[in-house]
Amino acid sequence: AARAALQAQGAQVIDCPGPRKAAGGSPKVDLAAMMR
């Protein structure tokens, strides 16, 4: 739903997850992969 709302505003959503830091934790954007 969030993706659809942002794309409706013209934004491009790019998936770039890094590894999970801990069990059950949310992953962060992989900054090095984002730069590449």
Full PDB file with SEQRES, HELIX, SHEET, SSBOND, CRYST1, ORIGX, SCALE, CONECT and MASTER records, all heavy atoms in Angstrom:
SEQRES   1 A   36  ALA ALA ARG ALA ALA LEU GLN ALA GLN GLY ALA GLN VAL          
SEQRES   2 A   36  ILE ASP CYS PRO GLY PRO ARG LYS ALA ALA GLY GLY SER          
SEQRES   3 A   36  PRO LYS VAL ASP LEU ALA ALA MET MET ARG                      
HELIX    1 AA1 ALA A    2  ALA A    8  1                                   7    
HELIX    2 AA2 LEU A   31  MET A   35  1                                   5    
CRYST1    1.000    1.000    1.000  90.00  90.00  90.00 P 1           1          
ORIGX1      1.000000  0.000000  0.000000        0.00000                         
ORIGX2      0.000000  1.000000  0.000000        0.00000                         
ORIGX3      0.000000  0.000000  1.000000        0.00000                         
SCALE1      1.000000  0.000000  0.000000        0.00000                         
SCALE2      0.000000  1.000000  0.000000        0.00000                         
SCALE3      0.000000  0.000000  1.000000        0.00000                         
ATOM      1  N   ALA A   1       0.824  -1.203   0.000  1.00  0.00           N  
ATOM      2  CA  ALA A   1       0.000   0.000   0.000  1.00  0.00           C  
ATOM      3  C   ALA A   1       0.862   1.259   0.000  1.00  0.00           C  
ATOM      4  O   ALA A   1       0.582   2.222  -0.726  1.00  0.00           O  
ATOM      5  CB  ALA A   1      -0.936  -0.007   1.201  1.00  0.00           C  
ATOM      6  N   ALA A   2       1.921   1.251   0.820  1.00  0.00           N  
ATOM      7  CA  ALA A   2       2.809   2.407   0.876  1.00  0.00           C  
ATOM      8  C   ALA A   2       3.517   2.609  -0.460  1.00  0.00           C  
ATOM      9  O   ALA A   2       3.662   3.748  -0.937  1.00  0.00           O  
ATOM     10  CB  ALA A   2       3.830   2.229   2.001  1.00  0.00           C  
ATOM     11  N   ARG A   3       3.955   1.521  -1.082  1.00  0.00           N  
ATOM     12  CA  ARG A   3       4.600   1.614  -2.384  1.00  0.00           C  
ATOM     13  C   ARG A   3       3.657   2.224  -3.421  1.00  0.00           C  
ATOM     14  O   ARG A   3       4.042   3.118  -4.189  1.00  0.00           O  
ATOM     15  CB  ARG A   3       5.054   0.225  -2.863  1.00  0.00           C  
ATOM     16  CG  ARG A   3       6.215  -0.349  -2.107  1.00  0.00           C  
ATOM     17  CD  ARG A   3       6.439  -1.826  -2.425  1.00  0.00           C  
ATOM     18  NE  ARG A   3       7.478  -2.373  -1.610  1.00  0.00           N  
ATOM     19  CZ  ARG A   3       8.752  -2.497  -1.983  1.00  0.00           C  
ATOM     20  NH1 ARG A   3       9.119  -2.132  -3.203  1.00  0.00           N  
ATOM     21  NH2 ARG A   3       9.652  -2.992  -1.163  1.00  0.00           N  
ATOM     22  N   ALA A   4       2.441   1.746  -3.432  1.00  0.00           N  
ATOM     23  CA  ALA A   4       1.481   2.237  -4.411  1.00  0.00           C  
ATOM     24  C   ALA A   4       1.227   3.730  -4.225  1.00  0.00           C  
ATOM     25  O   ALA A   4       1.140   4.487  -5.200  1.00  0.00           O  
ATOM     26  CB  ALA A   4       0.177   1.450  -4.309  1.00  0.00           C  
ATOM     27  N   ALA A   5       1.121   4.167  -2.966  1.00  0.00           N  
ATOM     28  CA  ALA A   5       0.865   5.580  -2.689  1.00  0.00           C  
ATOM     29  C   ALA A   5       2.030   6.455  -3.136  1.00  0.00           C  
ATOM     30  O   ALA A   5       1.834   7.542  -3.699  1.00  0.00           O  
ATOM     31  CB  ALA A   5       0.592   5.777  -1.205  1.00  0.00           C  
ATOM     32  N   LEU A   6       3.257   5.992  -2.908  1.00  0.00           N  
ATOM     33  CA  LEU A   6       4.427   6.765  -3.306  1.00  0.00           C  
ATOM     34  C   LEU A   6       4.610   6.761  -4.819  1.00  0.00           C  
ATOM     35  O   LEU A   6       4.974   7.780  -5.421  1.00  0.00           O  
ATOM     36  CB  LEU A   6       5.674   6.215  -2.607  1.00  0.00           C  
ATOM     37  CG  LEU A   6       5.682   6.395  -1.085  1.00  0.00           C  
ATOM     38  CD1 LEU A   6       6.828   5.603  -0.463  1.00  0.00           C  
ATOM     39  CD2 LEU A   6       5.803   7.869  -0.726  1.00  0.00           C  
ATOM     40  N   GLN A   7       4.366   5.626  -5.440  1.00  0.00           N  
ATOM     41  CA  GLN A   7       4.469   5.545  -6.890  1.00  0.00           C  
ATOM     42  C   GLN A   7       3.412   6.410  -7.563  1.00  0.00           C  
ATOM     43  O   GLN A   7       3.649   6.978  -8.631  1.00  0.00           O  
ATOM     44  CB  GLN A   7       4.359   4.092  -7.331  1.00  0.00           C  
ATOM     45  CG  GLN A   7       5.581   3.259  -6.942  1.00  0.00           C  
ATOM     46  CD  GLN A   7       5.357   1.764  -7.056  1.00  0.00           C  
ATOM     47  OE1 GLN A   7       4.223   1.298  -7.192  1.00  0.00           O  
ATOM     48  NE2 GLN A   7       6.431   0.986  -6.979  1.00  0.00           N  
ATOM     49  N   ALA A   8       2.257   6.548  -6.918  1.00  0.00           N  
ATOM     50  CA  ALA A   8       1.211   7.419  -7.456  1.00  0.00           C  
ATOM     51  C   ALA A   8       1.651   8.881  -7.459  1.00  0.00           C  
ATOM     52  O   ALA A   8       1.146   9.686  -8.249  1.00  0.00           O  
ATOM     53  CB  ALA A   8      -0.073   7.259  -6.648  1.00  0.00           C  
ATOM     54  N   GLN A   9       2.599   9.226  -6.567  1.00  0.00           N  
ATOM     55  CA  GLN A   9       3.146  10.579  -6.521  1.00  0.00           C  
ATOM     56  C   GLN A   9       4.338  10.745  -7.465  1.00  0.00           C  
ATOM     57  O   GLN A   9       4.944  11.810  -7.517  1.00  0.00           O  
ATOM     58  CB  GLN A   9       3.575  10.909  -5.093  1.00  0.00           C  
ATOM     59  CG  GLN A   9       2.435  10.946  -4.089  1.00  0.00           C  
ATOM     60  CD  GLN A   9       1.396  11.995  -4.439  1.00  0.00           C  
ATOM     61  OE1 GLN A   9       1.735  13.113  -4.825  1.00  0.00           O  
ATOM     62  NE2 GLN A   9       0.123  11.649  -4.331  1.00  0.00           N  
ATOM     63  N   GLY A  10       4.668   9.686  -8.210  1.00  0.00           N  
ATOM     64  CA  GLY A  10       5.751   9.760  -9.188  1.00  0.00           C  
ATOM     65  C   GLY A  10       7.092   9.256  -8.696  1.00  0.00           C  
ATOM     66  O   GLY A  10       8.072   9.286  -9.443  1.00  0.00           O  
ATOM     67  N   ALA A  11       7.173   8.787  -7.450  1.00  0.00           N  
ATOM     68  CA  ALA A  11       8.440   8.292  -6.916  1.00  0.00           C  
ATOM     69  C   ALA A  11       8.737   6.890  -7.422  1.00  0.00           C  
ATOM     70  O   ALA A  11       7.825   6.088  -7.661  1.00  0.00           O  
ATOM     71  CB  ALA A  11       8.410   8.299  -5.391  1.00  0.00           C  
ATOM     72  N   GLN A  12      10.020   6.587  -7.576  1.00  0.00           N  
ATOM     73  CA  GLN A  12      10.449   5.239  -7.918  1.00  0.00           C  
ATOM     74  C   GLN A  12      10.981   4.579  -6.653  1.00  0.00           C  
ATOM     75  O   GLN A  12      11.892   5.098  -6.001  1.00  0.00           O  
ATOM     76  CB  GLN A  12      11.540   5.254  -8.991  1.00  0.00           C  
ATOM     77  CG  GLN A  12      11.994   3.870  -9.412  1.00  0.00           C  
ATOM     78  CD  GLN A  12      13.020   3.899 -10.538  1.00  0.00           C  
ATOM     79  OE1 GLN A  12      13.338   4.962 -11.076  1.00  0.00           O  
ATOM     80  NE2 GLN A  12      13.548   2.743 -10.895  1.00  0.00           N  
ATOM     81  N   VAL A  13      10.399   3.444  -6.269  1.00  0.00           N  
ATOM     82  CA  VAL A  13      10.813   2.716  -5.068  1.00  0.00           C  
ATOM     83  C   VAL A  13      11.792   1.629  -5.476  1.00  0.00           C  
ATOM     84  O   VAL A  13      11.499   0.798  -6.347  1.00  0.00           O  
ATOM     85  CB  VAL A  13       9.598   2.117  -4.341  1.00  0.00           C  
ATOM     86  CG1 VAL A  13      10.045   1.337  -3.105  1.00  0.00           C  
ATOM     87  CG2 VAL A  13       8.615   3.227  -3.942  1.00  0.00           C  
ATOM     88  N   ILE A  14      12.967   1.624  -4.827  1.00  0.00           N  
ATOM     89  CA  ILE A  14      14.049   0.714  -5.194  1.00  0.00           C  
ATOM     90  C   ILE A  14      14.383  -0.158  -3.984  1.00  0.00           C  
ATOM     91  O   ILE A  14      14.723   0.357  -2.921  1.00  0.00           O  
ATOM     92  CB  ILE A  14      15.299   1.494  -5.648  1.00  0.00           C  
ATOM     93  CG1 ILE A  14      14.945   2.433  -6.818  1.00  0.00           C  
ATOM     94  CG2 ILE A  14      16.426   0.545  -6.025  1.00  0.00           C  
ATOM     95  CD1 ILE A  14      15.993   3.488  -7.089  1.00  0.00           C  
ATOM     96  N   ASP A  15      14.297  -1.464  -4.137  1.00  0.00           N  
ATOM     97  CA  ASP A  15      14.617  -2.386  -3.048  1.00  0.00           C  
ATOM     98  C   ASP A  15      16.122  -2.555  -2.929  1.00  0.00           C  
ATOM     99  O   ASP A  15      16.807  -2.869  -3.911  1.00  0.00           O  
ATOM    100  CB  ASP A  15      13.959  -3.741  -3.295  1.00  0.00           C  
ATOM    101  CG  ASP A  15      12.453  -3.680  -3.154  1.00  0.00           C  
ATOM    102  OD1 ASP A  15      11.980  -3.382  -2.046  1.00  0.00           O  
ATOM    103  OD2 ASP A  15      11.745  -3.915  -4.158  1.00  0.00           O  
ATOM    104  N   CYS A  16      16.629  -2.338  -1.703  1.00  0.00           N  
ATOM    105  CA  CYS A  16      18.068  -2.445  -1.468  1.00  0.00           C  
ATOM    106  C   CYS A  16      18.326  -2.866  -0.020  1.00  0.00           C  
ATOM    107  O   CYS A  16      18.979  -2.161   0.744  1.00  0.00           O  
ATOM    108  CB  CYS A  16      18.732  -1.102  -1.768  1.00  0.00           C  
ATOM    109  SG  CYS A  16      20.523  -1.165  -1.888  1.00  0.00           S  
ATOM    110  N   PRO A  17      17.806  -4.043   0.389  1.00  0.00           N  
ATOM    111  CA  PRO A  17      17.940  -4.446   1.788  1.00  0.00           C  
ATOM    112  C   PRO A  17      19.319  -4.991   2.115  1.00  0.00           C  
ATOM    113  O   PRO A  17      19.955  -5.660   1.309  1.00  0.00           O  
ATOM    114  CB  PRO A  17      16.879  -5.540   1.929  1.00  0.00           C  
ATOM    115  CG  PRO A  17      16.800  -6.146   0.557  1.00  0.00           C  
ATOM    116  CD  PRO A  17      17.027  -5.013  -0.404  1.00  0.00           C  
ATOM    117  N   GLY A  18      19.760  -4.697   3.336  1.00  0.00           N  
ATOM    118  CA  GLY A  18      20.970  -5.293   3.860  1.00  0.00           C  
ATOM    119  C   GLY A  18      20.613  -6.467   4.746  1.00  0.00           C  
ATOM    120  O   GLY A  18      19.429  -6.790   4.924  1.00  0.00           O  
ATOM    121  N   PRO A  19      21.585  -7.121   5.344  1.00  0.00           N  
ATOM    122  CA  PRO A  19      21.294  -8.252   6.234  1.00  0.00           C  
ATOM    123  C   PRO A  19      20.625  -7.786   7.514  1.00  0.00           C  
ATOM    124  O   PRO A  19      20.832  -6.665   7.976  1.00  0.00           O  
ATOM    125  CB  PRO A  19      22.683  -8.838   6.512  1.00  0.00           C  
ATOM    126  CG  PRO A  19      23.624  -7.698   6.310  1.00  0.00           C  
ATOM    127  CD  PRO A  19      23.034  -6.862   5.215  1.00  0.00           C  
ATOM    128  N   ARG A  20      19.806  -8.650   8.098  1.00  0.00           N  
ATOM    129  CA  ARG A  20      19.179  -8.342   9.383  1.00  0.00           C  
ATOM    130  C   ARG A  20      20.248  -8.329  10.478  1.00  0.00           C  
ATOM    131  O   ARG A  20      21.082  -9.209  10.546  1.00  0.00           O  
ATOM    132  CB  ARG A  20      18.107  -9.374   9.708  1.00  0.00           C  
ATOM    133  CG  ARG A  20      16.912  -9.333   8.762  1.00  0.00           C  
ATOM    134  CD  ARG A  20      15.874 -10.367   9.158  1.00  0.00           C  
ATOM    135  NE  ARG A  20      14.756 -10.379   8.222  1.00  0.00           N  
ATOM    136  CZ  ARG A  20      13.694  -9.587   8.323  1.00  0.00           C  
ATOM    137  NH1 ARG A  20      13.611  -8.744   9.337  1.00  0.00           N  
ATOM    138  NH2 ARG A  20      12.731  -9.646   7.435  1.00  0.00           N  
ATOM    139  N   LYS A  21      20.157  -7.319  11.334  1.00  0.00           N  
ATOM    140  CA  LYS A  21      21.143  -7.182  12.413  1.00  0.00           C  
ATOM    141  C   LYS A  21      20.903  -8.192  13.531  1.00  0.00           C  
ATOM    142  O   LYS A  21      21.817  -8.634  14.202  1.00  0.00           O  
ATOM    143  CB  LYS A  21      21.093  -5.764  12.978  1.00  0.00           C  
ATOM    144  CG  LYS A  21      21.481  -4.674  11.972  1.00  0.00           C  
ATOM    145  CD  LYS A  21      22.940  -4.732  11.616  1.00  0.00           C  
ATOM    146  CE  LYS A  21      23.338  -3.575  10.717  1.00  0.00           C  
ATOM    147  NZ  LYS A  21      24.756  -3.598  10.347  1.00  0.00           N  
ATOM    148  N   ALA A  22      19.626  -8.525  13.757  1.00  0.00           N  
ATOM    149  CA  ALA A  22      19.295  -9.454  14.841  1.00  0.00           C  
ATOM    150  C   ALA A  22      18.022 -10.183  14.476  1.00  0.00           C  
ATOM    151  O   ALA A  22      17.272  -9.769  13.593  1.00  0.00           O  
ATOM    152  CB  ALA A  22      19.122  -8.690  16.157  1.00  0.00           C  
ATOM    153  N   ALA A  23      17.796 -11.293  15.142  1.00  0.00           N  
ATOM    154  CA  ALA A  23      16.600 -12.080  14.868  1.00  0.00           C  
ATOM    155  C   ALA A  23      15.358 -11.230  15.103  1.00  0.00           C  
ATOM    156  O   ALA A  23      15.194 -10.624  16.157  1.00  0.00           O  
ATOM    157  CB  ALA A  23      16.582 -13.310  15.767  1.00  0.00           C  
ATOM    158  N   GLY A  24      14.505 -11.188  14.106  1.00  0.00           N  
ATOM    159  CA  GLY A  24      13.278 -10.417  14.217  1.00  0.00           C  
ATOM    160  C   GLY A  24      13.447  -8.941  13.934  1.00  0.00           C  
ATOM    161  O   GLY A  24      12.460  -8.202  13.890  1.00  0.00           O  
ATOM    162  N   GLY A  25      14.687  -8.485  13.772  1.00  0.00           N  
ATOM    163  CA  GLY A  25      14.922  -7.068  13.509  1.00  0.00           C  
ATOM    164  C   GLY A  25      14.639  -6.704  12.059  1.00  0.00           C  
ATOM    165  O   GLY A  25      14.677  -7.552  11.173  1.00  0.00           O  
ATOM    166  N   SER A  26      14.348  -5.440  11.847  1.00  0.00           N  
ATOM    167  CA  SER A  26      14.084  -4.967  10.498  1.00  0.00           C  
ATOM    168  C   SER A  26      15.405  -4.678   9.784  1.00  0.00           C  
ATOM    169  O   SER A  26      16.307  -4.066  10.370  1.00  0.00           O  
ATOM    170  CB  SER A  26      13.230  -3.693  10.542  1.00  0.00           C  
ATOM    171  OG  SER A  26      11.992  -3.952  11.153  1.00  0.00           O  
ATOM    172  N   PRO A  27      15.549  -5.099   8.537  1.00  0.00           N  
ATOM    173  CA  PRO A  27      16.779  -4.800   7.805  1.00  0.00           C  
ATOM    174  C   PRO A  27      16.863  -3.319   7.461  1.00  0.00           C  
ATOM    175  O   PRO A  27      15.850  -2.631   7.366  1.00  0.00           O  
ATOM    176  CB  PRO A  27      16.659  -5.663   6.551  1.00  0.00           C  
ATOM    177  CG  PRO A  27      15.190  -5.826   6.351  1.00  0.00           C  
ATOM    178  CD  PRO A  27      14.584  -5.866   7.725  1.00  0.00           C  
ATOM    179  N   LYS A  28      18.071  -2.844   7.309  1.00  0.00           N  
ATOM    180  CA  LYS A  28      18.325  -1.477   6.881  1.00  0.00           C  
ATOM    181  C   LYS A  28      18.726  -1.473   5.412  1.00  0.00           C  
ATOM    182  O   LYS A  28      19.120  -2.503   4.861  1.00  0.00           O  
ATOM    183  CB  LYS A  28      19.455  -0.857   7.710  1.00  0.00           C  
ATOM    184  CG  LYS A  28      19.173  -0.777   9.205  1.00  0.00           C  
ATOM    185  CD  LYS A  28      18.160   0.299   9.513  1.00  0.00           C  
ATOM    186  CE  LYS A  28      18.030   0.513  11.011  1.00  0.00           C  
ATOM    187  NZ  LYS A  28      17.042   1.568  11.332  1.00  0.00           N  
ATOM    188  N   VAL A  29      18.623  -0.327   4.787  1.00  0.00           N  
ATOM    189  CA  VAL A  29      19.119  -0.194   3.421  1.00  0.00           C  
ATOM    190  C   VAL A  29      20.624  -0.452   3.414  1.00  0.00           C  
ATOM    191  O   VAL A  29      21.363   0.046   4.267  1.00  0.00           O  
ATOM    192  CB  VAL A  29      18.814   1.219   2.875  1.00  0.00           C  
ATOM    193  CG1 VAL A  29      19.570   1.481   1.575  1.00  0.00           C  
ATOM    194  CG2 VAL A  29      17.316   1.391   2.660  1.00  0.00           C  
ATOM    195  N   ASP A  30      21.071  -1.243   2.480  1.00  0.00           N  
ATOM    196  CA  ASP A  30      22.498  -1.515   2.296  1.00  0.00           C  
ATOM    197  C   ASP A  30      23.102  -0.293   1.595  1.00  0.00           C  
ATOM    198  O   ASP A  30      22.927  -0.116   0.387  1.00  0.00           O  
ATOM    199  CB  ASP A  30      22.675  -2.781   1.450  1.00  0.00           C  
ATOM    200  CG  ASP A  30      24.129  -3.211   1.326  1.00  0.00           C  
ATOM    201  OD1 ASP A  30      25.013  -2.331   1.305  1.00  0.00           O  
ATOM    202  OD2 ASP A  30      24.378  -4.421   1.228  1.00  0.00           O  
ATOM    203  N   LEU A  31      23.791   0.548   2.349  1.00  0.00           N  
ATOM    204  CA  LEU A  31      24.268   1.821   1.807  1.00  0.00           C  
ATOM    205  C   LEU A  31      25.316   1.631   0.717  1.00  0.00           C  
ATOM    206  O   LEU A  31      25.323   2.367  -0.279  1.00  0.00           O  
ATOM    207  CB  LEU A  31      24.818   2.689   2.941  1.00  0.00           C  
ATOM    208  CG  LEU A  31      23.794   3.095   4.018  1.00  0.00           C  
ATOM    209  CD1 LEU A  31      24.479   3.866   5.134  1.00  0.00           C  
ATOM    210  CD2 LEU A  31      22.662   3.910   3.405  1.00  0.00           C  
ATOM    211  N   ALA A  32      26.207   0.657   0.895  1.00  0.00           N  
ATOM    212  CA  ALA A  32      27.221   0.417  -0.132  1.00  0.00           C  
ATOM    213  C   ALA A  32      26.578  -0.065  -1.426  1.00  0.00           C  
ATOM    214  O   ALA A  32      26.947   0.364  -2.532  1.00  0.00           O  
ATOM    215  CB  ALA A  32      28.248  -0.593   0.366  1.00  0.00           C  
ATOM    216  N   ALA A  33      25.594  -0.956  -1.317  1.00  0.00           N  
ATOM    217  CA  ALA A  33      24.880  -1.431  -2.509  1.00  0.00           C  
ATOM    218  C   ALA A  33      24.107  -0.299  -3.160  1.00  0.00           C  
ATOM    219  O   ALA A  33      24.001  -0.224  -4.392  1.00  0.00           O  
ATOM    220  CB  ALA A  33      23.954  -2.580  -2.128  1.00  0.00           C  
ATOM    221  N   MET A  34      23.549   0.588  -2.350  1.00  0.00           N  
ATOM    222  CA  MET A  34      22.843   1.736  -2.887  1.00  0.00           C  
ATOM    223  C   MET A  34      23.792   2.615  -3.712  1.00  0.00           C  
ATOM    224  O   MET A  34      23.427   3.082  -4.796  1.00  0.00           O  
ATOM    225  CB  MET A  34      22.241   2.561  -1.753  1.00  0.00           C  
ATOM    226  CG  MET A  34      21.515   3.822  -2.215  1.00  0.00           C  
ATOM    227  SD  MET A  34      21.018   4.885  -0.833  1.00  0.00           S  
ATOM    228  CE  MET A  34      22.638   5.502  -0.311  1.00  0.00           C  
ATOM    229  N   MET A  35      25.006   2.830  -3.222  1.00  0.00           N  
ATOM    230  CA  MET A  35      25.977   3.638  -3.960  1.00  0.00           C  
ATOM    231  C   MET A  35      26.314   2.989  -5.293  1.00  0.00           C  
ATOM    232  O   MET A  35      26.432   3.665  -6.325  1.00  0.00           O  
ATOM    233  CB  MET A  35      27.247   3.839  -3.131  1.00  0.00           C  
ATOM    234  CG  MET A  35      27.056   4.695  -1.896  1.00  0.00           C  
ATOM    235  SD  MET A  35      26.546   6.383  -2.286  1.00  0.00           S  
ATOM    236  CE  MET A  35      26.388   7.052  -0.626  1.00  0.00           C  
ATOM    237  N   ARG A  36      26.459   1.673  -5.300  1.00  0.00           N  
ATOM    238  CA  ARG A  36      26.752   0.987  -6.567  1.00  0.00           C  
ATOM    239  C   ARG A  36      25.583   1.131  -7.531  1.00  0.00           C  
ATOM    240  O   ARG A  36      25.777   1.321  -8.737  1.00  0.00           O  
ATOM    241  CB  ARG A  36      27.061  -0.490  -6.298  1.00  0.00           C  
ATOM    242  CG  ARG A  36      28.368  -0.727  -5.531  1.00  0.00           C  
ATOM    243  CD  ARG A  36      28.766  -2.188  -5.525  1.00  0.00           C  
ATOM    244  NE  ARG A  36      27.815  -3.032  -4.808  1.00  0.00           N  
ATOM    245  CZ  ARG A  36      27.906  -3.301  -3.506  1.00  0.00           C  
ATOM    246  NH1 ARG A  36      28.880  -2.776  -2.780  1.00  0.00           N  
ATOM    247  NH2 ARG A  36      27.014  -4.094  -2.920  1.00  0.00           N  
TER     248      ARG A  36                                                      
MASTER        0    0    0    2    0    0    0    6  247    1    0    3          
END                                                                             
